[in-house]
C-alpha atoms as a PDB file:
ATOM      1  CA  GLN A   1     -13.299 -11.987 -43.620  1.00  0.00           C
ATOM      2  CA  VAL A   2     -12.774  -8.369 -42.629  1.00  0.00           C
ATOM      3  CA  GLN A   3     -15.881  -6.180 -42.889  1.00  0.00           C
ATOM      4  CA  LEU A   4     -16.038  -2.379 -42.833  1.00  0.00           C
ATOM      5  CA  VAL A   5     -19.105  -0.386 -41.762  1.00  0.00           C
ATOM      6  CA  GLU A   6     -19.038   3.408 -42.078  1.00  0.00           C
ATOM      7  CA  SER A   7     -21.492   5.717 -40.313  1.00  0.00           C
ATOM      8  CA  GLY A   8     -21.962   9.308 -39.190  1.00  0.00           C
ATOM      9  CA  GLY A   9     -22.482  11.131 -42.470  1.00  0.00           C
ATOM     10  CA  GLY A  10     -25.224  13.633 -43.135  1.00  0.00           C
ATOM     11  CA  LEU A  11     -26.198  17.040 -44.483  1.00  0.00           C
ATOM     12  CA  VAL A  12     -24.478  20.049 -42.909  1.00  0.00           C
ATOM     13  CA  GLN A  13     -24.013  23.749 -43.603  1.00  0.00           C
ATOM     14  CA  PRO A  14     -20.609  25.106 -44.624  1.00  0.00           C
ATOM     15  CA  GLY A  15     -18.515  25.603 -41.506  1.00  0.00           C
ATOM     16  CA  GLY A  16     -20.246  22.759 -39.684  1.00  0.00           C
ATOM     17  CA  SER A  17     -18.805  19.563 -38.216  1.00  0.00           C
ATOM     18  CA  LEU A  18     -19.346  15.810 -38.440  1.00  0.00           C
ATOM     19  CA  ARG A  19     -17.673  12.774 -36.899  1.00  0.00           C
ATOM     20  CA  LEU A  20     -17.485   9.650 -39.032  1.00  0.00           C
ATOM     21  CA  SER A  21     -16.984   6.176 -37.580  1.00  0.00           C
ATOM     22  CA  CYS A  22     -15.699   2.997 -39.195  1.00  0.00           C
ATOM     23  CA  ALA A  23     -16.276  -0.293 -37.405  1.00  0.00           C
ATOM     24  CA  VAL A  24     -13.799  -2.967 -38.462  1.00  0.00           C
ATOM     25  CA  SER A  25     -14.269  -6.686 -37.931  1.00  0.00           C
ATOM     26  CA  GLY A  26     -11.482  -9.240 -37.781  1.00  0.00           C
ATOM     27  CA  SER A  27      -8.309  -9.594 -35.763  1.00  0.00           C
ATOM     28  CA  VAL A  28      -5.917  -7.435 -37.801  1.00  0.00           C
ATOM     29  CA  PHE A  29      -7.131  -3.954 -36.795  1.00  0.00           C
ATOM     30  CA  SER A  30      -4.606  -3.134 -34.084  1.00  0.00           C
ATOM     31  CA  ILE A  31      -1.597  -3.948 -36.263  1.00  0.00           C
ATOM     32  CA  ASN A  32      -2.892  -2.418 -39.492  1.00  0.00           C
ATOM     33  CA  ALA A  33      -2.660   1.134 -40.745  1.00  0.00           C
ATOM     34  CA  MET A  34      -6.146   2.491 -41.501  1.00  0.00           C
ATOM     35  CA  ALA A  35      -7.334   5.233 -43.813  1.00  0.00           C
ATOM     36  CA  TRP A  36     -10.296   7.311 -44.928  1.00  0.00           C
ATOM     37  CA  PHE A  37     -11.079   7.855 -48.610  1.00  0.00           C
ATOM     38  CA  ARG A  38     -13.737   9.883 -50.406  1.00  0.00           C
ATOM     39  CA  GLN A  39     -15.362   9.799 -53.832  1.00  0.00           C
ATOM     40  CA  ALA A  40     -17.582  12.344 -55.558  1.00  0.00           C
ATOM     41  CA  PRO A  41     -19.757  11.359 -58.567  1.00  0.00           C
ATOM     42  CA  GLY A  42     -17.719  11.078 -61.759  1.00  0.00           C
ATOM     43  CA  LYS A  43     -14.432  11.352 -59.884  1.00  0.00           C
ATOM     44  CA  GLN A  44     -11.789   8.975 -58.598  1.00  0.00           C
ATOM     45  CA  ARG A  45     -11.708   7.677 -55.059  1.00  0.00           C
ATOM     46  CA  ASP A  46      -9.073   9.761 -53.251  1.00  0.00           C
ATOM     47  CA  LEU A  47      -7.125   9.224 -50.055  1.00  0.00           C
ATOM     48  CA  VAL A  48      -8.038  11.676 -47.267  1.00  0.00           C
ATOM     49  CA  ALA A  49      -6.164  10.589 -44.134  1.00  0.00           C
ATOM     50  CA  VAL A  50      -4.079   7.702 -42.796  1.00  0.00           C
ATOM     51  CA  ILE A  51      -3.362   6.545 -39.256  1.00  0.00           C
ATOM     52  CA  GLY A  52      -0.645   4.008 -38.535  1.00  0.00           C
ATOM     53  CA  SER A  53      -0.612   1.282 -35.927  1.00  0.00           C
ATOM     54  CA  ASP A  54       1.684   3.613 -33.954  1.00  0.00           C
ATOM     55  CA  ASN A  55      -0.929   6.432 -34.196  1.00  0.00           C
ATOM     56  CA  SER A  56       1.107   8.464 -36.653  1.00  0.00           C
ATOM     57  CA  THR A  57      -1.148  10.436 -39.019  1.00  0.00           C
ATOM     58  CA  THR A  58      -1.012  11.842 -42.544  1.00  0.00           C
ATOM     59  CA  TYR A  59      -3.539  14.085 -44.338  1.00  0.00           C
ATOM     60  CA  VAL A  60      -4.171  15.300 -47.844  1.00  0.00           C
ATOM     61  CA  ASN A  61      -3.409  19.030 -48.102  1.00  0.00           C
ATOM     62  CA  SER A  62      -7.034  20.024 -48.709  1.00  0.00           C
ATOM     63  CA  VAL A  63      -8.169  18.758 -45.271  1.00  0.00           C
ATOM     64  CA  HIS A  64      -5.080  19.367 -43.153  1.00  0.00           C
ATOM     65  CA  GLY A  65      -5.933  21.469 -40.110  1.00  0.00           C
ATOM     66  CA  ARG A  66      -9.666  20.715 -40.426  1.00  0.00           C
ATOM     67  CA  PHE A  67      -9.888  16.899 -40.207  1.00  0.00           C
ATOM     68  CA  THR A  68      -8.500  14.582 -37.527  1.00  0.00           C
ATOM     69  CA  ILE A  69      -8.202  10.810 -37.880  1.00  0.00           C
ATOM     70  CA  SER A  70      -8.030   8.664 -34.741  1.00  0.00           C
ATOM     71  CA  ARG A  71      -8.482   5.052 -33.682  1.00  0.00           C
ATOM     72  CA  ASP A  72      -9.701   3.078 -30.695  1.00  0.00           C
ATOM     73  CA  ASN A  73      -8.099  -0.349 -30.882  1.00  0.00           C
ATOM     74  CA  ALA A  74     -10.218  -1.732 -28.030  1.00  0.00           C
ATOM     75  CA  LYS A  75     -13.345  -0.953 -30.075  1.00  0.00           C
ATOM     76  CA  ASN A  76     -11.863  -1.854 -33.479  1.00  0.00           C
ATOM     77  CA  THR A  77     -13.013   1.545 -34.698  1.00  0.00           C
ATOM     78  CA  VAL A  78     -11.418   4.381 -36.660  1.00  0.00           C
ATOM     79  CA  TYR A  79     -12.849   7.917 -36.615  1.00  0.00           C
ATOM     80  CA  LEU A  80     -12.687  11.006 -38.783  1.00  0.00           C
ATOM     81  CA  GLN A  81     -13.536  14.277 -37.049  1.00  0.00           C
ATOM     82  CA  MET A  82     -14.373  16.864 -39.709  1.00  0.00           C
ATOM     83  CA  ASN A  83     -14.517  20.552 -38.762  1.00  0.00           C
ATOM     84  CA  ARG A  84     -15.058  23.716 -40.784  1.00  0.00           C
ATOM     85  CA  LEU A  85     -16.593  21.722 -43.605  1.00  0.00           C
ATOM     86  CA  LYS A  86     -16.639  23.128 -47.136  1.00  0.00           C
ATOM     87  CA  PRO A  87     -18.887  22.323 -50.126  1.00  0.00           C
ATOM     88  CA  GLU A  88     -15.930  20.661 -51.835  1.00  0.00           C
ATOM     89  CA  ASP A  89     -15.851  18.095 -49.009  1.00  0.00           C
ATOM     90  CA  THR A  90     -19.120  16.658 -50.359  1.00  0.00           C
ATOM     91  CA  ALA A  91     -18.548  12.984 -51.204  1.00  0.00           C
ATOM     92  CA  VAL A  92     -19.148   9.427 -50.104  1.00  0.00           C
ATOM     93  CA  TYR A  93     -16.579   8.601 -47.425  1.00  0.00           C
ATOM     94  CA  TYR A  94     -15.078   5.121 -47.080  1.00  0.00           C
ATOM     95  CA  CYS A  95     -12.589   3.523 -44.729  1.00  0.00           C
ATOM     96  CA  ASN A  96     -10.111   0.793 -45.586  1.00  0.00           C
ATOM     97  CA  SER A  97      -6.587  -0.378 -44.962  1.00  0.00           C
ATOM     98  CA  GLY A  98      -3.894   2.270 -44.965  1.00  0.00           C
ATOM     99  CA  SER A  99      -1.538  -0.139 -46.693  1.00  0.00           C
ATOM    100  CA  ARG A 100      -1.636  -1.517 -50.238  1.00  0.00           C
ATOM    101  CA  HIS A 101      -3.410  -4.660 -48.983  1.00  0.00           C
ATOM    102  CA  PHE A 102      -7.031  -3.491 -49.175  1.00  0.00           C
ATOM    103  CA  PHE A 103     -10.066  -5.143 -47.640  1.00  0.00           C
ATOM    104  CA  SER A 104     -13.398  -5.367 -49.456  1.00  0.00           C
ATOM    105  CA  TRP A 105     -15.031  -1.919 -49.632  1.00  0.00           C
ATOM    106  CA  GLY A 106     -18.014  -1.114 -47.456  1.00  0.00           C
ATOM    107  CA  GLN A 107     -21.026   0.962 -48.513  1.00  0.00           C
ATOM    108  CA  GLY A 108     -19.546   4.259 -47.345  1.00  0.00           C
ATOM    109  CA  THR A 109     -21.369   7.163 -45.728  1.00  0.00           C
ATOM    110  CA  GLN A 110     -22.619  10.247 -47.583  1.00  0.00           C
ATOM    111  CA  VAL A 111     -21.399  13.681 -46.501  1.00  0.00           C
ATOM    112  CA  THR A 112     -23.143  16.663 -48.087  1.00  0.00           C
ATOM    113  CA  VAL A 113     -22.055  20.230 -47.332  1.00  0.00           C
ATOM    114  CA  SER A 114     -24.468  22.771 -48.775  1.00  0.00           C
ATOM    115  CA  SER A 115     -25.920  26.203 -48.069  1.00  0.00           C
END
């Protein structure tokens, strides 16, 4: 079965940067749209960014211009470069399919932005 392993989170000051990685197992990566999601305590899990198999990208308004999603099909890995981080970006970040056919969720990686 497909497994998802997120990494790269941490504690940063406002205005700082982080790069998240998502390693994806299985043989469907190169033909599947992939996405990043985030969830803060007591809130719903929200979509952040999507990258298609053709490398097209879509972002939620709150991160547009600051975050960049990319993929390396040879490494079965999707990335999220996060720049100019804000306290409201604090959440657990998860990757998954960018389509309605979701894989099992991984553990996510914690991003904390605090002065």
